[in-house]
Amino acid sequence: MSPRKADSRPLYAKVYAALVERIRSGEWKAGELIPNEFEIAAEFKVSQGTARKAISALADENLVVRRQGRGTYVYEHTPDDILLRFLNFFDSAGRQIAPGNRSTRREVGRSTQAERKALNLPAASRVIRFDRIRTRGRKPFVTECVVLPEWMFPGLADGADIPDSFYDIFQKAYGVLVTRTDERLTATVADQEAARQLAVAAGTPLLRIERTAYTLDDRAVEWRVSLCHLDRAYYLARTR
C-alpha cells in the first residue's frame, strides 16, 4: 500500500479550507462575527500573517465582510445586496434599475429534461417553479421563470407571495449560500406569450438570460430564464 500523499498546500490555504467548511456547514451562520486573526492564528498554530491571508481569501470570495472597527462577519445576503450583485440592469443614464415584482404563477411538479440538466438532478426529481414579471415604472420589463429543486426548499412554494429576492431566504431559512452565478446571454424575439406579458408586439427583440446559481460547494440550486425588453436600458456584465 502506497503511503498517503502529503498535503502540499500552503498553510494559509489549509486554514482557508477549514474556515470555508465552517461557513458551508452552518457552524458560522449568516451575519455572525467570526474570530479575529489573533484567535485564528492561535487555534491553528500558525502565524498572524497566515491567519490574515486566510481571512483575506474569504473576503476576496465574498464569504465574509470586514467592518471597520467592528470585526469580520459571515457574508449575509440582503435584498439590497442582491440588487447590486445579481440584477445588473441600468438605464441609458447609467443608473441602476430596481425592478418591481409582479407574481404570476407557482407550481410544484416533475422536472423536465432541461431542468434536470441545468440543476444536475436525477430522473423523476420534482421542482418548484415560480413565474413572475418584473416591472420598471409599473410597466412590464422582464419575464422570469425560476426553477428550484423541491427537496432543498421544502415549504417555499406555500407562501402567500412570491418573494422579491430568493437568495436571502435561501441563506436564512435553508442554510444555502449562493456564492456565484453563471449567465448565458442570447438575442431572441418575443413570441405571442412573451409579447402578451411584456406588452410589446410579437417579434420585438429581447435579451434572453439563462442563469444557474451555485452554492459554496459548487452545487446548482437555481435555474432562471429571463426575457428582457431593454427599452432605453442595458445589462451590465461584471467580473469579480
C-alpha atoms as a PDB file:
ATOM      1  CA  MET A   1       0.000   0.000   0.000  1.00  0.00           C
ATOM      2  CA  SER A   2       1.458   3.343  -1.059  1.00  0.00           C
ATOM      3  CA  PRO A   3       1.978   5.982   1.648  1.00  0.00           C
ATOM      4  CA  ARG A   4      -0.613   8.765   1.876  1.00  0.00           C
ATOM      5  CA  LYS A   5       0.346  11.766  -0.217  1.00  0.00           C
ATOM      6  CA  ALA A   6       1.371  14.722   1.920  1.00  0.00           C
ATOM      7  CA  ASP A   7      -0.797  17.824   1.813  1.00  0.00           C
ATOM      8  CA  SER A   8       1.372  20.255  -0.145  1.00  0.00           C
ATOM      9  CA  ARG A   9      -0.972  23.233   0.089  1.00  0.00           C
ATOM     10  CA  PRO A  10       0.393  26.424   1.695  1.00  0.00           C
ATOM     11  CA  LEU A  11      -0.525  26.874   5.349  1.00  0.00           C
ATOM     12  CA  TYR A  12      -2.923  29.730   4.641  1.00  0.00           C
ATOM     13  CA  ALA A  13      -4.792  27.541   2.112  1.00  0.00           C
ATOM     14  CA  LYS A  14      -5.293  24.828   4.735  1.00  0.00           C
ATOM     15  CA  VAL A  15      -6.618  27.365   7.209  1.00  0.00           C
ATOM     16  CA  TYR A  16      -8.814  28.901   4.499  1.00  0.00           C
ATOM     17  CA  ALA A  17     -10.306  25.480   3.664  1.00  0.00           C
ATOM     18  CA  ALA A  18     -11.093  24.851   7.331  1.00  0.00           C
ATOM     19  CA  LEU A  19     -12.815  28.227   7.662  1.00  0.00           C
ATOM     20  CA  VAL A  20     -14.793  27.708   4.460  1.00  0.00           C
ATOM     21  CA  GLU A  21     -16.087  24.430   5.877  1.00  0.00           C
ATOM     22  CA  ARG A  22     -17.360  26.232   8.974  1.00  0.00           C
ATOM     23  CA  ILE A  23     -19.396  28.542   6.746  1.00  0.00           C
ATOM     24  CA  ARG A  24     -20.572  25.753   4.450  1.00  0.00           C
ATOM     25  CA  SER A  25     -21.686  23.535   7.328  1.00  0.00           C
ATOM     26  CA  GLY A  26     -23.535  26.344   9.070  1.00  0.00           C
ATOM     27  CA  GLU A  27     -21.255  26.324  12.100  1.00  0.00           C
ATOM     28  CA  TRP A  28     -20.693  30.001  11.309  1.00  0.00           C
ATOM     29  CA  LYS A  29     -24.043  31.482  10.416  1.00  0.00           C
ATOM     30  CA  ALA A  30     -25.018  34.397   8.177  1.00  0.00           C
ATOM     31  CA  GLY A  31     -24.116  37.719   9.769  1.00  0.00           C
ATOM     32  CA  GLU A  32     -22.122  36.109  12.588  1.00  0.00           C
ATOM     33  CA  LEU A  33     -18.927  37.707  13.867  1.00  0.00           C
ATOM     34  CA  ILE A  34     -16.003  35.338  13.279  1.00  0.00           C
ATOM     35  CA  PRO A  35     -12.834  35.080  15.433  1.00  0.00           C
ATOM     36  CA  ASN A  36     -10.153  37.641  14.688  1.00  0.00           C
ATOM     37  CA  GLU A  37      -6.799  36.817  13.117  1.00  0.00           C
ATOM     38  CA  PHE A  38      -5.093  36.503  16.508  1.00  0.00           C
ATOM     39  CA  GLU A  39      -7.639  33.911  17.644  1.00  0.00           C
ATOM     40  CA  ILE A  40      -7.482  32.005  14.368  1.00  0.00           C
ATOM     41  CA  ALA A  41      -3.683  32.040  14.440  1.00  0.00           C
ATOM     42  CA  ALA A  42      -3.710  30.611  17.970  1.00  0.00           C
ATOM     43  CA  GLU A  43      -6.281  27.948  17.154  1.00  0.00           C
ATOM     44  CA  PHE A  44      -4.492  26.654  14.063  1.00  0.00           C
ATOM     45  CA  LYS A  45      -0.999  27.259  15.465  1.00  0.00           C
ATOM     46  CA  VAL A  46       0.028  29.463  12.552  1.00  0.00           C
ATOM     47  CA  SER A  47       1.436  32.965  12.309  1.00  0.00           C
ATOM     48  CA  GLN A  48      -0.791  36.016  12.423  1.00  0.00           C
ATOM     49  CA  GLY A  49       0.172  36.750   8.813  1.00  0.00           C
ATOM     50  CA  THR A  50      -1.010  33.289   7.716  1.00  0.00           C
ATOM     51  CA  ALA A  51      -4.327  33.773   9.510  1.00  0.00           C
ATOM     52  CA  ARG A  52      -4.716  37.233   7.950  1.00  0.00           C
ATOM     53  CA  LYS A  53      -4.086  35.810   4.485  1.00  0.00           C
ATOM     54  CA  ALA A  54      -6.719  33.098   5.005  1.00  0.00           C
ATOM     55  CA  ILE A  55      -9.291  35.683   6.119  1.00  0.00           C
ATOM     56  CA  SER A  56      -8.397  37.904   3.154  1.00  0.00           C
ATOM     57  CA  ALA A  57      -9.047  34.958   0.839  1.00  0.00           C
ATOM     58  CA  LEU A  58     -12.508  34.566   2.397  1.00  0.00           C
ATOM     59  CA  ALA A  59     -13.179  38.262   1.811  1.00  0.00           C
ATOM     60  CA  ASP A  60     -11.982  38.020  -1.794  1.00  0.00           C
ATOM     61  CA  GLU A  61     -14.558  35.267  -2.369  1.00  0.00           C
ATOM     62  CA  ASN A  62     -17.334  37.360  -0.750  1.00  0.00           C
ATOM     63  CA  LEU A  63     -17.718  34.807   2.036  1.00  0.00           C
ATOM     64  CA  VAL A  64     -17.005  37.315   4.798  1.00  0.00           C
ATOM     65  CA  VAL A  65     -17.305  41.091   5.128  1.00  0.00           C
ATOM     66  CA  ARG A  66     -14.888  43.319   7.059  1.00  0.00           C
ATOM     67  CA  ARG A  67     -16.472  46.159   9.007  1.00  0.00           C
ATOM     68  CA  GLN A  68     -14.094  48.870  10.141  1.00  0.00           C
ATOM     69  CA  GLY A  69     -13.671  48.863  13.905  1.00  0.00           C
ATOM     70  CA  ARG A  70     -16.193  46.052  14.388  1.00  0.00           C
ATOM     71  CA  GLY A  71     -14.575  42.903  13.007  1.00  0.00           C
ATOM     72  CA  THR A  72     -15.233  40.387  10.252  1.00  0.00           C
ATOM     73  CA  TYR A  73     -18.664  38.837   9.673  1.00  0.00           C
ATOM     74  CA  VAL A  74     -20.012  35.938   7.657  1.00  0.00           C
ATOM     75  CA  TYR A  75     -21.457  37.316   4.444  1.00  0.00           C
ATOM     76  CA  GLU A  76     -25.225  37.802   4.627  1.00  0.00           C
ATOM     77  CA  HIS A  77     -27.466  38.220   1.613  1.00  0.00           C
ATOM     78  CA  THR A  78     -29.875  41.137   1.849  1.00  0.00           C
ATOM     79  CA  PRO A  79     -32.376  42.386  -0.756  1.00  0.00           C
ATOM     80  CA  ASP A  80     -30.223  45.485  -1.382  1.00  0.00           C
ATOM     81  CA  ASP A  81     -27.107  43.363  -1.814  1.00  0.00           C
ATOM     82  CA  ILE A  82     -28.879  41.070  -4.267  1.00  0.00           C
ATOM     83  CA  LEU A  83     -29.906  44.107  -6.305  1.00  0.00           C
ATOM     84  CA  LEU A  84     -26.307  45.281  -6.537  1.00  0.00           C
ATOM     85  CA  ARG A  85     -24.750  41.888  -7.237  1.00  0.00           C
ATOM     86  CA  PHE A  86     -27.272  39.967  -9.310  1.00  0.00           C
ATOM     87  CA  LEU A  87     -29.705  42.377 -11.036  1.00  0.00           C
ATOM     88  CA  ASN A  88     -27.451  44.343 -13.334  1.00  0.00           C
ATOM     89  CA  PHE A  89     -29.927  46.444 -15.322  1.00  0.00           C
ATOM     90  CA  PHE A  90     -29.116  50.099 -15.981  1.00  0.00           C
ATOM     91  CA  ASP A  91     -30.958  52.898 -17.742  1.00  0.00           C
ATOM     92  CA  SER A  92     -29.488  54.988 -20.545  1.00  0.00           C
ATOM     93  CA  ALA A  93     -28.106  57.473 -17.979  1.00  0.00           C
ATOM     94  CA  GLY A  94     -26.170  54.737 -16.193  1.00  0.00           C
ATOM     95  CA  ARG A  95     -28.486  54.499 -13.169  1.00  0.00           C
ATOM     96  CA  GLN A  96     -29.133  51.019 -11.823  1.00  0.00           C
ATOM     97  CA  ILE A  97     -32.718  49.888 -12.292  1.00  0.00           C
ATOM     98  CA  ALA A  98     -34.510  48.419  -9.272  1.00  0.00           C
ATOM     99  CA  PRO A  99     -37.284  46.416 -10.919  1.00  0.00           C
ATOM    100  CA  GLY A 100     -40.573  45.723  -9.177  1.00  0.00           C
ATOM    101  CA  ASN A 101     -42.069  42.273  -8.830  1.00  0.00           C
ATOM    102  CA  ARG A 102     -45.442  41.013 -10.043  1.00  0.00           C
ATOM    103  CA  SER A 103     -46.220  37.373  -9.227  1.00  0.00           C
ATOM    104  CA  THR A 104     -47.982  35.360 -11.916  1.00  0.00           C
ATOM    105  CA  ARG A 105     -47.762  31.620 -11.183  1.00  0.00           C
ATOM    106  CA  ARG A 106     -46.177  28.971  -8.963  1.00  0.00           C
ATOM    107  CA  GLU A 107     -46.271  25.205  -9.151  1.00  0.00           C
ATOM    108  CA  VAL A 108     -44.556  22.072  -7.908  1.00  0.00           C
ATOM    109  CA  GLY A 109     -44.124  19.252 -10.387  1.00  0.00           C
ATOM    110  CA  ARG A 110     -41.917  16.724 -12.043  1.00  0.00           C
ATOM    111  CA  SER A 111     -38.776  18.193 -13.593  1.00  0.00           C
ATOM    112  CA  THR A 112     -38.245  18.434 -17.328  1.00  0.00           C
ATOM    113  CA  GLN A 113     -35.131  17.188 -19.092  1.00  0.00           C
ATOM    114  CA  ALA A 114     -33.833  20.754 -19.451  1.00  0.00           C
ATOM    115  CA  GLU A 115     -34.361  21.434 -15.729  1.00  0.00           C
ATOM    116  CA  ARG A 116     -32.602  18.219 -14.726  1.00  0.00           C
ATOM    117  CA  LYS A 117     -29.660  19.072 -16.946  1.00  0.00           C
ATOM    118  CA  ALA A 118     -29.368  22.623 -15.593  1.00  0.00           C
ATOM    119  CA  LEU A 119     -29.670  21.582 -11.930  1.00  0.00           C
ATOM    120  CA  ASN A 120     -27.921  18.197 -12.208  1.00  0.00           C
ATOM    121  CA  LEU A 121     -30.975  16.355 -10.893  1.00  0.00           C
ATOM    122  CA  PRO A 122     -31.779  12.637 -11.122  1.00  0.00           C
ATOM    123  CA  ALA A 123     -34.724  11.366 -13.161  1.00  0.00           C
ATOM    124  CA  ALA A 124     -38.178  11.865 -11.659  1.00  0.00           C
ATOM    125  CA  SER A 125     -36.965  14.760  -9.468  1.00  0.00           C
ATOM    126  CA  ARG A 126     -39.564  17.333  -8.501  1.00  0.00           C
ATOM    127  CA  VAL A 127     -39.011  21.072  -8.778  1.00  0.00           C
ATOM    128  CA  ILE A 128     -40.645  24.313  -7.691  1.00  0.00           C
ATOM    129  CA  ARG A 129     -41.366  26.779 -10.493  1.00  0.00           C
ATOM    130  CA  PHE A 130     -42.044  30.454  -9.978  1.00  0.00           C
ATOM    131  CA  ASP A 131     -43.169  32.640 -12.872  1.00  0.00           C
ATOM    132  CA  ARG A 132     -43.201  36.380 -12.410  1.00  0.00           C
ATOM    133  CA  ILE A 133     -42.955  39.656 -14.257  1.00  0.00           C
ATOM    134  CA  ARG A 134     -40.523  42.328 -13.148  1.00  0.00           C
ATOM    135  CA  THR A 135     -41.640  45.863 -13.764  1.00  0.00           C
ATOM    136  CA  ARG A 136     -39.962  49.184 -14.434  1.00  0.00           C
ATOM    137  CA  GLY A 137     -42.051  52.205 -13.610  1.00  0.00           C
ATOM    138  CA  ARG A 138     -45.080  49.881 -13.338  1.00  0.00           C
ATOM    139  CA  LYS A 139     -44.575  48.661 -16.896  1.00  0.00           C
ATOM    140  CA  PRO A 140     -43.561  45.062 -17.719  1.00  0.00           C
ATOM    141  CA  PHE A 141     -39.822  44.850 -18.137  1.00  0.00           C
ATOM    142  CA  VAL A 142     -38.657  41.241 -17.615  1.00  0.00           C
ATOM    143  CA  THR A 143     -40.385  37.858 -17.515  1.00  0.00           C
ATOM    144  CA  GLU A 144     -38.756  35.250 -15.280  1.00  0.00           C
ATOM    145  CA  CYS A 145     -39.146  31.542 -14.731  1.00  0.00           C
ATOM    146  CA  VAL A 146     -37.252  30.433 -11.599  1.00  0.00           C
ATOM    147  CA  VAL A 147     -36.774  26.681 -11.070  1.00  0.00           C
ATOM    148  CA  LEU A 148     -35.582  25.183  -7.755  1.00  0.00           C
ATOM    149  CA  PRO A 149     -35.081  21.607  -6.517  1.00  0.00           C
ATOM    150  CA  GLU A 150     -38.074  20.871  -4.281  1.00  0.00           C
ATOM    151  CA  TRP A 151     -36.129  18.730  -1.788  1.00  0.00           C
ATOM    152  CA  MET A 152     -33.796  21.615  -0.963  1.00  0.00           C
ATOM    153  CA  PHE A 153     -36.530  24.168  -0.244  1.00  0.00           C
ATOM    154  CA  PRO A 154     -39.486  22.424   1.403  1.00  0.00           C
ATOM    155  CA  GLY A 155     -42.418  24.723   2.041  1.00  0.00           C
ATOM    156  CA  LEU A 156     -41.088  27.576  -0.091  1.00  0.00           C
ATOM    157  CA  ALA A 157     -43.937  27.230  -2.575  1.00  0.00           C
ATOM    158  CA  ASP A 158     -46.540  27.518   0.192  1.00  0.00           C
ATOM    159  CA  GLY A 159     -46.026  31.213   0.992  1.00  0.00           C
ATOM    160  CA  ALA A 160     -48.666  33.807   0.219  1.00  0.00           C
ATOM    161  CA  ASP A 161     -46.431  35.771  -2.160  1.00  0.00           C
ATOM    162  CA  ILE A 162     -43.522  35.024  -4.425  1.00  0.00           C
ATOM    163  CA  PRO A 163     -40.546  36.693  -2.726  1.00  0.00           C
ATOM    164  CA  ASP A 164     -38.906  39.637  -4.452  1.00  0.00           C
ATOM    165  CA  SER A 165     -35.492  38.083  -3.830  1.00  0.00           C
ATOM    166  CA  PHE A 166     -34.715  34.431  -3.196  1.00  0.00           C
ATOM    167  CA  TYR A 167     -31.080  34.314  -2.145  1.00  0.00           C
ATOM    168  CA  ASP A 168     -31.552  35.907   1.277  1.00  0.00           C
ATOM    169  CA  ILE A 169     -34.342  33.397   2.003  1.00  0.00           C
ATOM    170  CA  PHE A 170     -32.136  30.529   0.817  1.00  0.00           C
ATOM    171  CA  GLN A 171     -29.456  31.566   3.289  1.00  0.00           C
ATOM    172  CA  LYS A 172     -31.565  32.472   6.311  1.00  0.00           C
ATOM    173  CA  ALA A 173     -34.301  29.824   6.121  1.00  0.00           C
ATOM    174  CA  TYR A 174     -32.452  26.918   4.489  1.00  0.00           C
ATOM    175  CA  GLY A 175     -28.749  27.496   5.174  1.00  0.00           C
ATOM    176  CA  VAL A 176     -27.986  27.654   1.442  1.00  0.00           C
ATOM    177  CA  LEU A 177     -25.486  30.366   0.471  1.00  0.00           C
ATOM    178  CA  VAL A 178     -25.364  31.355  -3.196  1.00  0.00           C
ATOM    179  CA  THR A 179     -21.804  32.420  -3.959  1.00  0.00           C
ATOM    180  CA  ARG A 180     -21.760  32.680  -7.744  1.00  0.00           C
ATOM    181  CA  THR A 181     -23.932  32.609 -10.832  1.00  0.00           C
ATOM    182  CA  ASP A 182     -23.229  31.638 -14.410  1.00  0.00           C
ATOM    183  CA  GLU A 183     -25.205  33.503 -17.052  1.00  0.00           C
ATOM    184  CA  ARG A 184     -25.676  32.851 -20.752  1.00  0.00           C
ATOM    185  CA  LEU A 185     -26.955  35.827 -22.755  1.00  0.00           C
ATOM    186  CA  THR A 186     -28.526  35.410 -26.190  1.00  0.00           C
ATOM    187  CA  ALA A 187     -30.667  37.515 -28.501  1.00  0.00           C
ATOM    188  CA  THR A 188     -34.218  36.403 -29.214  1.00  0.00           C
ATOM    189  CA  VAL A 189     -37.600  37.807 -30.235  1.00  0.00           C
ATOM    190  CA  ALA A 190     -40.906  37.856 -28.398  1.00  0.00           C
ATOM    191  CA  ASP A 191     -43.288  35.013 -29.140  1.00  0.00           C
ATOM    192  CA  GLN A 192     -47.011  35.505 -28.596  1.00  0.00           C
ATOM    193  CA  GLU A 193     -46.872  34.701 -24.854  1.00  0.00           C
ATOM    194  CA  ALA A 194     -43.830  36.880 -24.144  1.00  0.00           C
ATOM    195  CA  ALA A 195     -45.376  39.691 -26.188  1.00  0.00           C
ATOM    196  CA  ARG A 196     -48.552  39.496 -24.095  1.00  0.00           C
ATOM    197  CA  GLN A 197     -46.646  39.501 -20.789  1.00  0.00           C
ATOM    198  CA  LEU A 198     -44.318  42.350 -21.760  1.00  0.00           C
ATOM    199  CA  ALA A 199     -46.966  44.378 -23.610  1.00  0.00           C
ATOM    200  CA  VAL A 200     -44.919  44.505 -26.823  1.00  0.00           C
ATOM    201  CA  ALA A 201     -45.508  43.358 -30.366  1.00  0.00           C
ATOM    202  CA  ALA A 202     -44.685  39.792 -31.313  1.00  0.00           C
ATOM    203  CA  GLY A 203     -41.245  39.722 -32.902  1.00  0.00           C
ATOM    204  CA  THR A 204     -39.872  42.526 -30.684  1.00  0.00           C
ATOM    205  CA  PRO A 205     -36.148  41.950 -29.975  1.00  0.00           C
ATOM    206  CA  LEU A 206     -35.490  40.686 -26.442  1.00  0.00           C
ATOM    207  CA  LEU A 207     -32.477  39.702 -24.375  1.00  0.00           C
ATOM    208  CA  ARG A 208     -32.637  36.130 -23.022  1.00  0.00           C
ATOM    209  CA  ILE A 209     -30.650  35.489 -19.825  1.00  0.00           C
ATOM    210  CA  GLU A 210     -30.205  31.928 -18.626  1.00  0.00           C
ATOM    211  CA  ARG A 211     -28.751  31.896 -15.114  1.00  0.00           C
ATOM    212  CA  THR A 212     -27.598  29.000 -12.937  1.00  0.00           C
ATOM    213  CA  ALA A 213     -26.843  29.827  -9.303  1.00  0.00           C
ATOM    214  CA  TYR A 214     -24.300  27.804  -7.306  1.00  0.00           C
ATOM    215  CA  THR A 215     -23.620  27.285  -3.622  1.00  0.00           C
ATOM    216  CA  LEU A 216     -20.336  27.354  -1.747  1.00  0.00           C
ATOM    217  CA  ASP A 217     -19.777  23.671  -2.544  1.00  0.00           C
ATOM    218  CA  ASP A 218     -20.482  24.308  -6.246  1.00  0.00           C
ATOM    219  CA  ARG A 219     -23.950  22.753  -6.259  1.00  0.00           C
ATOM    220  CA  ALA A 220     -26.519  24.144  -8.707  1.00  0.00           C
ATOM    221  CA  VAL A 221     -29.571  25.342  -6.737  1.00  0.00           C
ATOM    222  CA  GLU A 222     -31.442  27.641  -9.113  1.00  0.00           C
ATOM    223  CA  TRP A 223     -32.071  27.787 -12.836  1.00  0.00           C
ATOM    224  CA  ARG A 224     -33.616  31.007 -14.066  1.00  0.00           C
ATOM    225  CA  VAL A 225     -34.625  32.026 -17.590  1.00  0.00           C
ATOM    226  CA  SER A 226     -35.437  35.702 -18.152  1.00  0.00           C
ATOM    227  CA  LEU A 227     -36.709  37.539 -21.216  1.00  0.00           C
ATOM    228  CA  CYS A 228     -35.875  41.244 -21.064  1.00  0.00           C
ATOM    229  CA  HIS A 229     -37.265  44.148 -23.062  1.00  0.00           C
ATOM    230  CA  LEU A 230     -34.356  46.576 -22.848  1.00  0.00           C
ATOM    231  CA  ASP A 231     -36.044  49.765 -23.976  1.00  0.00           C
ATOM    232  CA  ARG A 232     -33.538  52.582 -23.270  1.00  0.00           C
ATOM    233  CA  ALA A 233     -31.655  50.252 -20.929  1.00  0.00           C
ATOM    234  CA  TYR A 234     -28.771  47.809 -20.923  1.00  0.00           C
ATOM    235  CA  TYR A 235     -27.467  44.822 -18.994  1.00  0.00           C
ATOM    236  CA  LEU A 236     -24.019  45.150 -17.400  1.00  0.00           C
ATOM    237  CA  ALA A 237     -21.872  42.022 -17.049  1.00  0.00           C
ATOM    238  CA  ARG A 238     -19.408  42.214 -14.149  1.00  0.00           C
ATOM    239  CA  THR A 239     -16.422  40.061 -13.288  1.00  0.00           C
ATOM    240  CA  ARG A 240     -15.400  39.755  -9.630  1.00  0.00           C
END
